Amino acid sequence: MAATKTDPSPAAASRRDRQRLDGIHVSVPGEKEIPEMNAELIRRYIRRMVIVYATMGTDGKLQKLSVRESPDVRFNRPILAALNHWSFRPAQLNGQAVALKVLIGIPILPFE
């Protein structure tokens, strides 16, 4: 079973996670599931990135996920499975929730 991280303070998360980009407010996930990956594979590709393309719905859920770049295909399935459980605060434009196309970079690092 993969570990789950949550931010203990919603107010702190809001201040820290919100970014403004051309009038659109986007956030990093409030809850993340850490993918389970082979330790040897992680050591081999440490600090490389898996790039995932997705759409984020107005509910903050990721949809239509696809791997765009990966140092090894064995990372793809566990990362996509974990991303299906990530929870985002919806992106906003002028105070209204909006859907976005996103690229997410997942660094290959040992889980501590």
Protein backbone atom coordinates (compact mmCIF):
# COMPACT_ATOMS: atom_id res chain seq x y z
CA MET A 1 0.00 0.00 0.00
CA ALA A 2 1.33 3.42 -0.93
CA ALA A 3 1.79 6.21 1.59
CA THR A 4 -0.44 9.27 1.54
CA LYS A 5 0.64 12.80 2.45
CA THR A 6 -1.79 15.54 3.44
CA ASP A 7 -1.14 19.14 4.34
CA PRO A 8 -2.16 19.67 7.98
CA SER A 9 -3.17 23.31 7.54
CA PRO A 10 -5.64 24.26 4.79
CA ALA A 11 -4.89 27.97 5.25
CA ALA A 12 -1.14 27.38 5.02
CA ALA A 13 -1.64 25.12 2.02
CA SER A 14 -3.72 27.76 0.30
CA ARG A 15 -1.07 30.44 0.77
CA ARG A 16 1.82 28.14 -0.12
CA ASP A 17 0.27 26.15 -2.95
CA ARG A 18 -1.62 28.75 -4.93
CA GLN A 19 0.17 30.17 -7.90
CA ARG A 20 -1.06 32.85 -10.26
CA LEU A 21 -0.52 32.35 -13.97
CA ASP A 22 -2.14 34.80 -16.39
CA GLY A 23 -5.15 35.29 -14.09
CA ILE A 24 -5.60 31.56 -13.51
CA HIS A 25 -5.11 30.30 -9.97
CA VAL A 26 -3.72 26.77 -9.93
CA SER A 27 -2.68 24.64 -6.98
CA VAL A 28 -0.43 21.74 -6.21
CA PRO A 29 -2.17 18.64 -4.90
CA GLY A 30 -3.53 18.76 -1.38
CA GLU A 31 -3.23 15.01 -1.05
CA LYS A 32 -0.72 12.78 -2.82
CA GLU A 33 -0.35 9.05 -3.04
CA ILE A 34 3.31 8.12 -3.37
CA PRO A 35 3.82 5.47 -6.09
CA GLU A 36 5.47 2.23 -5.08
CA MET A 37 8.52 1.67 -7.24
CA ASN A 38 11.44 -0.73 -7.31
CA ALA A 39 14.36 0.63 -5.25
CA GLU A 40 16.98 -0.52 -7.76
CA LEU A 41 15.10 1.17 -10.58
CA ILE A 42 14.96 4.40 -8.56
CA ARG A 43 18.71 4.27 -7.90
CA ARG A 44 19.37 3.76 -11.62
CA TYR A 45 17.31 6.79 -12.67
CA ILE A 46 17.55 9.03 -9.59
CA ARG A 47 16.71 12.69 -10.26
CA ARG A 48 15.26 11.95 -13.70
CA MET A 49 11.65 12.92 -14.41
CA VAL A 50 8.48 11.28 -15.60
CA ILE A 51 6.33 13.83 -17.45
CA VAL A 52 2.58 13.21 -17.45
CA TYR A 53 -0.02 15.08 -19.52
CA ALA A 54 -3.57 15.29 -18.18
CA THR A 55 -6.66 17.41 -18.06
CA MET A 56 -7.77 18.69 -14.67
CA GLY A 57 -11.53 18.93 -14.39
CA THR A 58 -13.46 21.66 -12.64
CA ASP A 59 -13.61 19.29 -9.65
CA GLY A 60 -9.79 19.18 -9.40
CA LYS A 61 -9.59 15.54 -10.54
CA LEU A 62 -7.11 14.48 -13.19
CA GLN A 63 -8.48 12.86 -16.34
CA LYS A 64 -7.06 11.45 -19.58
CA LEU A 65 -3.60 10.87 -18.12
CA SER A 66 -0.78 9.86 -20.45
CA VAL A 67 2.97 9.61 -19.98
CA ARG A 68 4.80 11.97 -22.32
CA GLU A 69 8.35 11.22 -21.18
CA SER A 70 9.84 8.56 -18.94
CA PRO A 71 13.36 7.23 -18.38
CA ASP A 72 11.94 3.68 -18.16
CA VAL A 73 8.46 2.34 -18.97
CA ARG A 74 8.42 0.46 -15.64
CA PHE A 75 7.75 3.79 -13.90
CA ASN A 76 4.64 4.54 -15.96
CA ARG A 77 2.04 2.22 -14.45
CA PRO A 78 2.73 2.99 -10.75
CA ILE A 79 2.94 6.73 -11.38
CA LEU A 80 -0.30 6.83 -13.37
CA ALA A 81 -2.03 4.72 -10.71
CA ALA A 82 -0.86 7.10 -7.94
CA LEU A 83 -1.89 10.21 -9.90
CA ASN A 84 -5.42 8.83 -10.17
CA HIS A 85 -5.65 9.28 -6.38
CA TRP A 86 -4.19 12.78 -6.16
CA SER A 87 -6.57 15.48 -5.01
CA PHE A 88 -6.27 19.09 -6.23
CA ARG A 89 -8.15 22.20 -5.35
CA PRO A 90 -9.82 23.21 -8.63
CA ALA A 91 -8.05 25.80 -10.77
CA GLN A 92 -9.87 29.12 -10.89
CA LEU A 93 -10.24 31.95 -13.35
CA ASN A 94 -11.99 35.07 -12.04
CA GLY A 95 -13.28 33.08 -9.06
CA GLN A 96 -14.82 30.29 -11.19
CA ALA A 97 -13.55 26.71 -11.34
CA VAL A 98 -12.08 25.90 -14.77
CA ALA A 99 -10.71 22.81 -16.50
CA LEU A 100 -7.04 22.88 -17.53
CA LYS A 101 -4.59 20.90 -19.60
CA VAL A 102 -1.57 20.22 -17.39
CA LEU A 103 1.91 18.76 -17.54
CA ILE A 104 3.07 17.21 -14.29
CA GLY A 105 6.73 16.43 -13.65
CA ILE A 106 7.31 13.59 -11.19
CA PRO A 107 10.94 13.40 -10.04
CA ILE A 108 12.45 9.97 -9.49
CA LEU A 109 13.61 10.16 -5.87
CA PRO A 110 13.76 7.66 -3.02
CA PHE A 111 10.75 7.85 -0.71
CA GLU A 112 11.78 8.62 2.88
